[in-house]
Amino acid sequence: MGNAANSSKQGKPTCLATFRLALRSGLRLCRYAQLLKQFGGSIAALVGLSGIRRRDLRIASLKDAETAIANAVTAGADILLHGDDAIPFRLAEKARTSR
């Protein structure tokens, strides 16, 4: 995996967990935000969801997350996760007001 996972100050494990949740199937954006709030972060949410057995919910594999991050590196992207200081203020404000 390239440096994109390290472009977030939150580190590689959080980046991978976030991508695994973001690439999920059967989990909508609103529910994703609720999970982050409920569990306190993407790693804890991923652990919490691992005990839930639902046919309509599929969490992306670690390999899927690594592939998505590698594709971001290839495209020259920086990865910014919720809570990173580098997220522009207006984008962060939009995210806060859309909940």
PDB file of N, CA and C in Angstrom:
ATOM      1  N   MET A   1       0.851  -1.166   0.000  1.00  0.00           N
ATOM      2  CA  MET A   1       0.000   0.000   0.000  1.00  0.00           C
ATOM      3  C   MET A   1       0.893   1.225   0.000  1.00  0.00           C
ATOM      4  N   GLY A   2       0.509   2.226  -0.740  1.00  0.00           N
ATOM      5  CA  GLY A   2       1.312   3.439  -0.853  1.00  0.00           C
ATOM      6  C   GLY A   2       1.188   4.352   0.336  1.00  0.00           C
ATOM      7  N   ASN A   3       1.516   5.617   0.138  1.00  0.00           N
ATOM      8  CA  ASN A   3       1.512   6.593   1.218  1.00  0.00           C
ATOM      9  C   ASN A   3       0.150   7.203   1.483  1.00  0.00           C
ATOM     10  N   ALA A   4      -0.827   6.933   0.647  1.00  0.00           N
ATOM     11  CA  ALA A   4      -2.137   7.555   0.835  1.00  0.00           C
ATOM     12  C   ALA A   4      -2.734   7.216   2.187  1.00  0.00           C
ATOM     13  N   ALA A   5      -2.533   5.999   2.666  1.00  0.00           N
ATOM     14  CA  ALA A   5      -3.079   5.611   3.967  1.00  0.00           C
ATOM     15  C   ALA A   5      -2.427   6.406   5.086  1.00  0.00           C
ATOM     16  N   ASN A   6      -1.251   6.907   4.833  1.00  0.00           N
ATOM     17  CA  ASN A   6      -0.570   7.700   5.843  1.00  0.00           C
ATOM     18  C   ASN A   6      -0.837   9.190   5.697  1.00  0.00           C
ATOM     19  N   SER A   7      -1.569   9.605   4.646  1.00  0.00           N
ATOM     20  CA  SER A   7      -1.831  11.024   4.474  1.00  0.00           C
ATOM     21  C   SER A   7      -2.849  11.507   5.508  1.00  0.00           C
ATOM     22  N   SER A   8      -3.637  10.598   6.049  1.00  0.00           N
ATOM     23  CA  SER A   8      -4.511  10.944   7.160  1.00  0.00           C
ATOM     24  C   SER A   8      -3.692  10.857   8.438  1.00  0.00           C
ATOM     25  N   LYS A   9      -3.875  11.822   9.320  1.00  0.00           N
ATOM     26  CA  LYS A   9      -3.155  11.804  10.600  1.00  0.00           C
ATOM     27  C   LYS A   9      -3.643  10.689  11.512  1.00  0.00           C
ATOM     28  N   GLN A  10      -4.740  10.039  11.128  1.00  0.00           N
ATOM     29  CA  GLN A  10      -5.324   9.005  11.971  1.00  0.00           C
ATOM     30  C   GLN A  10      -4.642   7.649  11.811  1.00  0.00           C
ATOM     31  N   GLY A  11      -3.797   7.497  10.815  1.00  0.00           N
ATOM     32  CA  GLY A  11      -2.997   6.288  10.673  1.00  0.00           C
ATOM     33  C   GLY A  11      -3.606   5.204   9.808  1.00  0.00           C
ATOM     34  N   LYS A  12      -2.762   4.259   9.465  1.00  0.00           N
ATOM     35  CA  LYS A  12      -3.115   3.185   8.540  1.00  0.00           C
ATOM     36  C   LYS A  12      -4.263   2.297   9.043  1.00  0.00           C
ATOM     37  N   PRO A  13      -4.274   1.848  10.317  1.00  0.00           N
ATOM     38  CA  PRO A  13      -5.396   0.992  10.751  1.00  0.00           C
ATOM     39  C   PRO A  13      -6.753   1.678  10.635  1.00  0.00           C
ATOM     40  N   THR A  14      -6.820   2.948  11.014  1.00  0.00           N
ATOM     41  CA  THR A  14      -8.074   3.690  10.912  1.00  0.00           C
ATOM     42  C   THR A  14      -8.452   3.890   9.453  1.00  0.00           C
ATOM     43  N   CYS A  15      -7.469   4.160   8.617  1.00  0.00           N
ATOM     44  CA  CYS A  15      -7.728   4.345   7.192  1.00  0.00           C
ATOM     45  C   CYS A  15      -8.303   3.058   6.587  1.00  0.00           C
ATOM     46  N   LEU A  16      -7.708   1.929   6.898  1.00  0.00           N
ATOM     47  CA  LEU A  16      -8.198   0.661   6.367  1.00  0.00           C
ATOM     48  C   LEU A  16      -9.607   0.355   6.868  1.00  0.00           C
ATOM     49  N   ALA A  17      -9.847   0.578   8.147  1.00  0.00           N
ATOM     50  CA  ALA A  17     -11.186   0.334   8.703  1.00  0.00           C
ATOM     51  C   ALA A  17     -12.214   1.244   8.052  1.00  0.00           C
ATOM     52  N   THR A  18     -11.849   2.505   7.855  1.00  0.00           N
ATOM     53  CA  THR A  18     -12.760   3.453   7.226  1.00  0.00           C
ATOM     54  C   THR A  18     -13.099   3.018   5.809  1.00  0.00           C
ATOM     55  N   PHE A  19     -12.096   2.598   5.056  1.00  0.00           N
ATOM     56  CA  PHE A  19     -12.348   2.135   3.690  1.00  0.00           C
ATOM     57  C   PHE A  19     -13.187   0.871   3.681  1.00  0.00           C
ATOM     58  N   ARG A  20     -12.951  -0.028   4.623  1.00  0.00           N
ATOM     59  CA  ARG A  20     -13.756  -1.251   4.675  1.00  0.00           C
ATOM     60  C   ARG A  20     -15.228  -0.921   4.908  1.00  0.00           C
ATOM     61  N   LEU A  21     -15.484   0.057   5.763  1.00  0.00           N
ATOM     62  CA  LEU A  21     -16.865   0.479   6.010  1.00  0.00           C
ATOM     63  C   LEU A  21     -17.423   1.259   4.819  1.00  0.00           C
ATOM     64  N   ALA A  22     -16.603   2.127   4.251  1.00  0.00           N
ATOM     65  CA  ALA A  22     -17.065   2.967   3.141  1.00  0.00           C
ATOM     66  C   ALA A  22     -17.386   2.136   1.896  1.00  0.00           C
ATOM     67  N   LEU A  23     -16.700   1.036   1.723  1.00  0.00           N
ATOM     68  CA  LEU A  23     -16.907   0.177   0.557  1.00  0.00           C
ATOM     69  C   LEU A  23     -17.977  -0.884   0.809  1.00  0.00           C
ATOM     70  N   ARG A  24     -18.656  -0.764   1.889  1.00  0.00           N
ATOM     71  CA  ARG A  24     -19.619  -1.764   2.321  1.00  0.00           C
ATOM     72  C   ARG A  24     -20.794  -1.854   1.362  1.00  0.00           C
ATOM     73  N   SER A  25     -21.524  -2.917   1.518  1.00  0.00           N
ATOM     74  CA  SER A  25     -22.762  -3.116   0.785  1.00  0.00           C
ATOM     75  C   SER A  25     -23.874  -3.232   1.816  1.00  0.00           C
ATOM     76  N   GLY A  26     -24.963  -2.512   1.625  1.00  0.00           N
ATOM     77  CA  GLY A  26     -26.091  -2.594   2.533  1.00  0.00           C
ATOM     78  C   GLY A  26     -26.021  -1.638   3.712  1.00  0.00           C
ATOM     79  N   LEU A  27     -25.069  -0.740   3.723  1.00  0.00           N
ATOM     80  CA  LEU A  27     -24.924   0.224   4.810  1.00  0.00           C
ATOM     81  C   LEU A  27     -24.961   1.611   4.192  1.00  0.00           C
ATOM     82  N   ARG A  28     -25.999   2.355   4.456  1.00  0.00           N
ATOM     83  CA  ARG A  28     -26.156   3.676   3.845  1.00  0.00           C
ATOM     84  C   ARG A  28     -25.355   4.726   4.603  1.00  0.00           C
ATOM     85  N   LEU A  29     -25.146   5.856   3.947  1.00  0.00           N
ATOM     86  CA  LEU A  29     -24.327   6.929   4.498  1.00  0.00           C
ATOM     87  C   LEU A  29     -24.814   7.394   5.867  1.00  0.00           C
ATOM     88  N   CYS A  30     -26.100   7.558   6.022  1.00  0.00           N
ATOM     89  CA  CYS A  30     -26.646   8.013   7.304  1.00  0.00           C
ATOM     90  C   CYS A  30     -26.328   7.000   8.400  1.00  0.00           C
ATOM     91  N   ARG A  31     -26.500   5.725   8.111  1.00  0.00           N
ATOM     92  CA  ARG A  31     -26.193   4.673   9.084  1.00  0.00           C
ATOM     93  C   ARG A  31     -24.700   4.646   9.383  1.00  0.00           C
ATOM     94  N   TYR A  32     -23.886   4.885   8.382  1.00  0.00           N
ATOM     95  CA  TYR A  32     -22.441   4.940   8.561  1.00  0.00           C
ATOM     96  C   TYR A  32     -22.077   6.018   9.580  1.00  0.00           C
ATOM     97  N   ALA A  33     -22.657   7.207   9.429  1.00  0.00           N
ATOM     98  CA  ALA A  33     -22.394   8.302  10.369  1.00  0.00           C
ATOM     99  C   ALA A  33     -22.875   7.934  11.770  1.00  0.00           C
ATOM    100  N   GLN A  34     -24.012   7.262  11.856  1.00  0.00           N
ATOM    101  CA  GLN A  34     -24.528   6.830  13.159  1.00  0.00           C
ATOM    102  C   GLN A  34     -23.586   5.826  13.818  1.00  0.00           C
ATOM    103  N   LEU A  35     -23.037   4.918  13.027  1.00  0.00           N
ATOM    104  CA  LEU A  35     -22.099   3.927  13.567  1.00  0.00           C
ATOM    105  C   LEU A  35     -20.845   4.597  14.105  1.00  0.00           C
ATOM    106  N   LEU A  36     -20.319   5.568  13.365  1.00  0.00           N
ATOM    107  CA  LEU A  36     -19.132   6.275  13.845  1.00  0.00           C
ATOM    108  C   LEU A  36     -19.423   6.967  15.163  1.00  0.00           C
ATOM    109  N   LYS A  37     -20.584   7.575  15.256  1.00  0.00           N
ATOM    110  CA  LYS A  37     -20.960   8.255  16.489  1.00  0.00           C
ATOM    111  C   LYS A  37     -21.184   7.248  17.624  1.00  0.00           C
ATOM    112  N   GLN A  38     -21.875   6.160  17.334  1.00  0.00           N
ATOM    113  CA  GLN A  38     -22.190   5.153  18.344  1.00  0.00           C
ATOM    114  C   GLN A  38     -20.947   4.464  18.890  1.00  0.00           C
ATOM    115  N   PHE A  39     -20.043   4.081  17.999  1.00  0.00           N
ATOM    116  CA  PHE A  39     -18.877   3.309  18.413  1.00  0.00           C
ATOM    117  C   PHE A  39     -17.644   4.170  18.671  1.00  0.00           C
ATOM    118  N   GLY A  40     -17.673   5.419  18.226  1.00  0.00           N
ATOM    119  CA  GLY A  40     -16.547   6.306  18.491  1.00  0.00           C
ATOM    120  C   GLY A  40     -15.468   6.308  17.432  1.00  0.00           C
ATOM    121  N   GLY A  41     -15.646   5.563  16.370  1.00  0.00           N
ATOM    122  CA  GLY A  41     -14.655   5.552  15.297  1.00  0.00           C
ATOM    123  C   GLY A  41     -14.831   4.350  14.405  1.00  0.00           C
ATOM    124  N   SER A  42     -14.088   4.344  13.305  1.00  0.00           N
ATOM    125  CA  SER A  42     -14.275   3.304  12.297  1.00  0.00           C
ATOM    126  C   SER A  42     -13.766   1.941  12.744  1.00  0.00           C
ATOM    127  N   ILE A  43     -12.678   1.893  13.497  1.00  0.00           N
ATOM    128  CA  ILE A  43     -12.168   0.591  13.955  1.00  0.00           C
ATOM    129  C   ILE A  43     -13.175  -0.059  14.899  1.00  0.00           C
ATOM    130  N   ALA A  44     -13.660   0.708  15.864  1.00  0.00           N
ATOM    131  CA  ALA A  44     -14.641   0.179  16.816  1.00  0.00           C
ATOM    132  C   ALA A  44     -15.943  -0.203  16.108  1.00  0.00           C
ATOM    133  N   ALA A  45     -16.367   0.585  15.113  1.00  0.00           N
ATOM    134  CA  ALA A  45     -17.587   0.272  14.363  1.00  0.00           C
ATOM    135  C   ALA A  45     -17.410  -1.026  13.578  1.00  0.00           C
ATOM    136  N   LEU A  46     -16.249  -1.209  13.000  1.00  0.00           N
ATOM    137  CA  LEU A  46     -15.966  -2.430  12.252  1.00  0.00           C
ATOM    138  C   LEU A  46     -16.031  -3.645  13.171  1.00  0.00           C
ATOM    139  N   VAL A  47     -15.460  -3.531  14.350  1.00  0.00           N
ATOM    140  CA  VAL A  47     -15.507  -4.617  15.335  1.00  0.00           C
ATOM    141  C   VAL A  47     -16.953  -4.864  15.771  1.00  0.00           C
ATOM    142  N   GLY A  48     -17.685  -3.785  16.029  1.00  0.00           N
ATOM    143  CA  GLY A  48     -19.079  -3.922  16.439  1.00  0.00           C
ATOM    144  C   GLY A  48     -19.940  -4.586  15.383  1.00  0.00           C
ATOM    145  N   LEU A  49     -19.700  -4.254  14.131  1.00  0.00           N
ATOM    146  CA  LEU A  49     -20.483  -4.837  13.041  1.00  0.00           C
ATOM    147  C   LEU A  49     -20.119  -6.290  12.758  1.00  0.00           C
ATOM    148  N   SER A  50     -18.926  -6.692  13.160  1.00  0.00           N
ATOM    149  CA  SER A  50     -18.490  -8.055  12.858  1.00  0.00           C
ATOM    150  C   SER A  50     -19.375  -9.095  13.537  1.00  0.00           C
ATOM    151  N   GLY A  51     -20.037  -8.718  14.631  1.00  0.00           N
ATOM    152  CA  GLY A  51     -20.920  -9.652  15.323  1.00  0.00           C
ATOM    153  C   GLY A  51     -22.325  -9.686  14.771  1.00  0.00           C
ATOM    154  N   ILE A  52     -22.635  -8.800  13.851  1.00  0.00           N
ATOM    155  CA  ILE A  52     -23.980  -8.732  13.280  1.00  0.00           C
ATOM    156  C   ILE A  52     -24.026  -9.584  12.018  1.00  0.00           C
ATOM    157  N   ARG A  53     -24.947 -10.498  11.981  1.00  0.00           N
ATOM    158  CA  ARG A  53     -25.107 -11.359  10.805  1.00  0.00           C
ATOM    159  C   ARG A  53     -26.366 -10.954  10.060  1.00  0.00           C
ATOM    160  N   ARG A  54     -26.170 -10.197   8.984  1.00  0.00           N
ATOM    161  CA  ARG A  54     -27.294  -9.788   8.145  1.00  0.00           C
ATOM    162  C   ARG A  54     -26.953 -10.109   6.707  1.00  0.00           C
ATOM    163  N   ARG A  55     -27.918 -10.612   5.997  1.00  0.00           N
ATOM    164  CA  ARG A  55     -27.688 -10.961   4.591  1.00  0.00           C
ATOM    165  C   ARG A  55     -27.436  -9.735   3.728  1.00  0.00           C
ATOM    166  N   ASP A  56     -28.050  -8.610   4.099  1.00  0.00           N
ATOM    167  CA  ASP A  56     -27.952  -7.411   3.269  1.00  0.00           C
ATOM    168  C   ASP A  56     -26.755  -6.536   3.624  1.00  0.00           C
ATOM    169  N   LEU A  57     -25.939  -6.961   4.555  1.00  0.00           N
ATOM    170  CA  LEU A  57     -24.796  -6.160   4.997  1.00  0.00           C
ATOM    171  C   LEU A  57     -23.504  -6.927   4.752  1.00  0.00           C
ATOM    172  N   ARG A  58     -22.675  -6.382   3.901  1.00  0.00           N
ATOM    173  CA  ARG A  58     -21.393  -7.009   3.603  1.00  0.00           C
ATOM    174  C   ARG A  58     -20.300  -5.969   3.796  1.00  0.00           C
ATOM    175  N   ILE A  59     -19.412  -6.221   4.727  1.00  0.00           N
ATOM    176  CA  ILE A  59     -18.287  -5.328   4.954  1.00  0.00           C
ATOM    177  C   ILE A  59     -17.177  -5.723   3.982  1.00  0.00           C
ATOM    178  N   ALA A  60     -16.581  -4.741   3.361  1.00  0.00           N
ATOM    179  CA  ALA A  60     -15.514  -5.007   2.388  1.00  0.00           C
ATOM    180  C   ALA A  60     -14.331  -5.689   3.070  1.00  0.00           C
ATOM    181  N   SER A  61     -13.644  -6.504   2.327  1.00  0.00           N
ATOM    182  CA  SER A  61     -12.470  -7.202   2.860  1.00  0.00           C
ATOM    183  C   SER A  61     -11.287  -6.244   2.987  1.00  0.00           C
ATOM    184  N   LEU A  62     -10.312  -6.685   3.735  1.00  0.00           N
ATOM    185  CA  LEU A  62      -9.082  -5.910   3.874  1.00  0.00           C
ATOM    186  C   LEU A  62      -8.435  -5.718   2.502  1.00  0.00           C
ATOM    187  N   LYS A  63      -8.470  -6.761   1.691  1.00  0.00           N
ATOM    188  CA  LYS A  63      -7.889  -6.664   0.346  1.00  0.00           C
ATOM    189  C   LYS A  63      -8.622  -5.623  -0.495  1.00  0.00           C
ATOM    190  N   ASP A  64      -9.963  -5.589  -0.394  1.00  0.00           N
ATOM    191  CA  ASP A  64     -10.737  -4.573  -1.120  1.00  0.00           C
ATOM    192  C   ASP A  64     -10.317  -3.168  -0.703  1.00  0.00           C
ATOM    193  N   ALA A  65     -10.156  -2.974   0.601  1.00  0.00           N
ATOM    194  CA  ALA A  65      -9.745  -1.659   1.113  1.00  0.00           C
ATOM    195  C   ALA A  65      -8.348  -1.303   0.629  1.00  0.00           C
ATOM    196  N   GLU A  66      -7.430  -2.260   0.684  1.00  0.00           N
ATOM    197  CA  GLU A  66      -6.063  -2.000   0.219  1.00  0.00           C
ATOM    198  C   GLU A  66      -6.042  -1.668  -1.268  1.00  0.00           C
ATOM    199  N   THR A  67      -6.871  -2.350  -2.056  1.00  0.00           N
ATOM    200  CA  THR A  67      -6.951  -2.073  -3.491  1.00  0.00           C
ATOM    201  C   THR A  67      -7.483  -0.668  -3.742  1.00  0.00           C
ATOM    202  N   ALA A  68      -8.521  -0.276  -3.015  1.00  0.00           N
ATOM    203  CA  ALA A  68      -9.085   1.067  -3.174  1.00  0.00           C
ATOM    204  C   ALA A  68      -8.053   2.137  -2.806  1.00  0.00           C
ATOM    205  N   ILE A  69      -7.307   1.890  -1.748  1.00  0.00           N
ATOM    206  CA  ILE A  69      -6.275   2.847  -1.336  1.00  0.00           C
ATOM    207  C   ILE A  69      -5.158   2.895  -2.371  1.00  0.00           C
ATOM    208  N   ALA A  70      -4.760   1.740  -2.891  1.00  0.00           N
ATOM    209  CA  ALA A  70      -3.728   1.707  -3.936  1.00  0.00           C
ATOM    210  C   ALA A  70      -4.193   2.465  -5.178  1.00  0.00           C
ATOM    211  N   ASN A  71      -5.462   2.337  -5.520  1.00  0.00           N
ATOM    212  CA  ASN A  71      -6.007   3.081  -6.660  1.00  0.00           C
ATOM    213  C   ASN A  71      -5.963   4.584  -6.390  1.00  0.00           C
ATOM    214  N   ALA A  72      -6.228   4.965  -5.146  1.00  0.00           N
ATOM    215  CA  ALA A  72      -6.147   6.386  -4.780  1.00  0.00           C
ATOM    216  C   ALA A  72      -4.716   6.897  -4.918  1.00  0.00           C
ATOM    217  N   VAL A  73      -3.757   6.088  -4.501  1.00  0.00           N
ATOM    218  CA  VAL A  73      -2.341   6.465  -4.628  1.00  0.00           C
ATOM    219  C   VAL A  73      -1.986   6.651  -6.098  1.00  0.00           C
ATOM    220  N   THR A  74      -2.421   5.707  -6.924  1.00  0.00           N
ATOM    221  CA  THR A  74      -2.147   5.782  -8.359  1.00  0.00           C
ATOM    222  C   THR A  74      -2.723   7.063  -8.960  1.00  0.00           C
ATOM    223  N   ALA A  75      -3.881   7.462  -8.469  1.00  0.00           N
ATOM    224  CA  ALA A  75      -4.528   8.677  -8.970  1.00  0.00           C
ATOM    225  C   ALA A  75      -3.940   9.945  -8.352  1.00  0.00           C
ATOM    226  N   GLY A  76      -3.033   9.788  -7.386  1.00  0.00           N
ATOM    227  CA  GLY A  76      -2.403  10.940  -6.750  1.00  0.00           C
ATOM    228  C   GLY A  76      -3.233  11.579  -5.645  1.00  0.00           C
ATOM    229  N   ALA A  77      -4.189  10.838  -5.115  1.00  0.00           N
ATOM    230  CA  ALA A  77      -5.087  11.385  -4.085  1.00  0.00           C
ATOM    231  C   ALA A  77      -4.467  11.354  -2.699  1.00  0.00           C
ATOM    232  N   ASP A  78      -4.851  12.322  -1.894  1.00  0.00           N
ATOM    233  CA  ASP A  78      -4.589  12.293  -0.461  1.00  0.00           C
ATOM    234  C   ASP A  78      -5.861  11.812   0.209  1.00  0.00           C
ATOM    235  N   ILE A  79      -5.731  10.967   1.201  1.00  0.00           N
ATOM    236  CA  ILE A  79      -6.898  10.446   1.892  1.00  0.00           C
ATOM    237  C   ILE A  79      -7.138  11.266   3.153  1.00  0.00           C
ATOM    238  N   LEU A  80      -8.322  11.820   3.230  1.00  0.00           N
ATOM    239  CA  LEU A  80      -8.726  12.601   4.389  1.00  0.00           C
ATOM    240  C   LEU A  80      -9.914  11.897   5.028  1.00  0.00           C
ATOM    241  N   LEU A  81      -9.780  11.613   6.308  1.00  0.00           N
ATOM    242  CA  LEU A  81     -10.847  10.943   7.031  1.00  0.00           C
ATOM    243  C   LEU A  81     -11.589  11.934   7.903  1.00  0.00           C
ATOM    244  N   HIS A  82     -12.803  11.567   8.266  1.00  0.00           N
ATOM    245  CA  HIS A  82     -13.594  12.407   9.161  1.00  0.00           C
ATOM    246  C   HIS A  82     -12.770  12.760  10.397  1.00  0.00           C
ATOM    247  N   GLY A  83     -12.684  14.037  10.686  1.00  0.00           N
ATOM    248  CA  GLY A  83     -11.929  14.493  11.846  1.00  0.00           C
ATOM    249  C   GLY A  83     -10.526  14.982  11.533  1.00  0.00           C
ATOM    250  N   ASP A  84     -10.039  14.769  10.313  1.00  0.00           N
ATOM    251  CA  ASP A  84      -8.708  15.259   9.942  1.00  0.00           C
ATOM    252  C   ASP A  84      -8.722  16.775   9.822  1.00  0.00           C
ATOM    253  N   ASP A  85      -7.683  17.407  10.333  1.00  0.00           N
ATOM    254  CA  ASP A  85      -7.571  18.862  10.247  1.00  0.00           C
ATOM    255  C   ASP A  85      -7.472  19.360   8.810  1.00  0.00           C
ATOM    256  N   ALA A  86      -7.010  18.533   7.924  1.00  0.00           N
ATOM    257  CA  ALA A  86      -6.791  18.957   6.542  1.00  0.00           C
ATOM    258  C   ALA A  86      -8.081  19.076   5.732  1.00  0.00           C
ATOM    259  N   ILE A  87      -9.175  18.563   6.246  1.00  0.00           N
ATOM    260  CA  ILE A  87     -10.435  18.703   5.522  1.00  0.00           C
ATOM    261  C   ILE A  87     -10.824  20.175   5.548  1.00  0.00           C
ATOM    262  N   PRO A  88     -11.085  20.735   4.392  1.00  0.00           N
ATOM    263  CA  PRO A  88     -11.463  22.147   4.362  1.00  0.00           C
ATOM    264  C   PRO A  88     -12.654  22.428   5.273  1.00  0.00           C
ATOM    265  N   PHE A  89     -12.633  23.578   5.906  1.00  0.00           N
ATOM    266  CA  PHE A  89     -13.658  23.942   6.867  1.00  0.00           C
ATOM    267  C   PHE A  89     -15.063  23.817   6.288  1.00  0.00           C
ATOM    268  N   ARG A  90     -15.263  24.286   5.086  1.00  0.00           N
ATOM    269  CA  ARG A  90     -16.606  24.264   4.494  1.00  0.00           C
ATOM    270  C   ARG A  90     -17.101  22.840   4.286  1.00  0.00           C
ATOM    271  N   LEU A  91     -16.220  21.944   3.879  1.00  0.00           N
ATOM    272  CA  LEU A  91     -16.615  20.555   3.697  1.00  0.00           C
ATOM    273  C   LEU A  91     -16.968  19.932   5.046  1.00  0.00           C
ATOM    274  N   ALA A  92     -16.155  20.201   6.046  1.00  0.00           N
ATOM    275  CA  ALA A  92     -16.435  19.685   7.383  1.00  0.00           C
ATOM    276  C   ALA A  92     -17.741  20.239   7.916  1.00  0.00           C
ATOM    277  N   GLU A  93     -17.990  21.523   7.691  1.00  0.00           N
ATOM    278  CA  GLU A  93     -19.228  22.153   8.139  1.00  0.00           C
ATOM    279  C   GLU A  93     -20.434  21.524   7.433  1.00  0.00           C
ATOM    280  N   LYS A  94     -20.298  21.273   6.140  1.00  0.00           N
ATOM    281  CA  LYS A  94     -21.377  20.620   5.376  1.00  0.00           C
ATOM    282  C   LYS A  94     -21.682  19.258   5.957  1.00  0.00           C
ATOM    283  N   ALA A  95     -20.651  18.500   6.291  1.00  0.00           N
ATOM    284  CA  ALA A  95     -20.840  17.171   6.860  1.00  0.00           C
ATOM    285  C   ALA A  95     -21.558  17.264   8.210  1.00  0.00           C
ATOM    286  N   ARG A  96     -21.211  18.250   9.021  1.00  0.00           N
ATOM    287  CA  ARG A  96     -21.849  18.409  10.335  1.00  0.00           C
ATOM    288  C   ARG A  96     -23.320  18.769  10.204  1.00  0.00           C
ATOM    289  N   THR A  97     -23.665  19.614   9.246  1.00  0.00           N
ATOM    290  CA  THR A  97     -25.035  20.098   9.129  1.00  0.00           C
ATOM    291  C   THR A  97     -25.942  19.121   8.371  1.00  0.00           C
ATOM    292  N   SER A  98     -25.379  18.140   7.720  1.00  0.00           N
ATOM    293  CA  SER A  98     -26.207  17.212   6.945  1.00  0.00           C
ATOM    294  C   SER A  98     -26.647  16.006   7.757  1.00  0.00           C
ATOM    295  N   ARG A  99     -26.304  15.931   9.014  1.00  0.00           N
ATOM    296  CA  ARG A  99     -26.691  14.782   9.846  1.00  0.00           C
ATOM    297  C   ARG A  99     -28.087  14.907  10.344  1.00  0.00           C
TER     298      ARG A  99
END
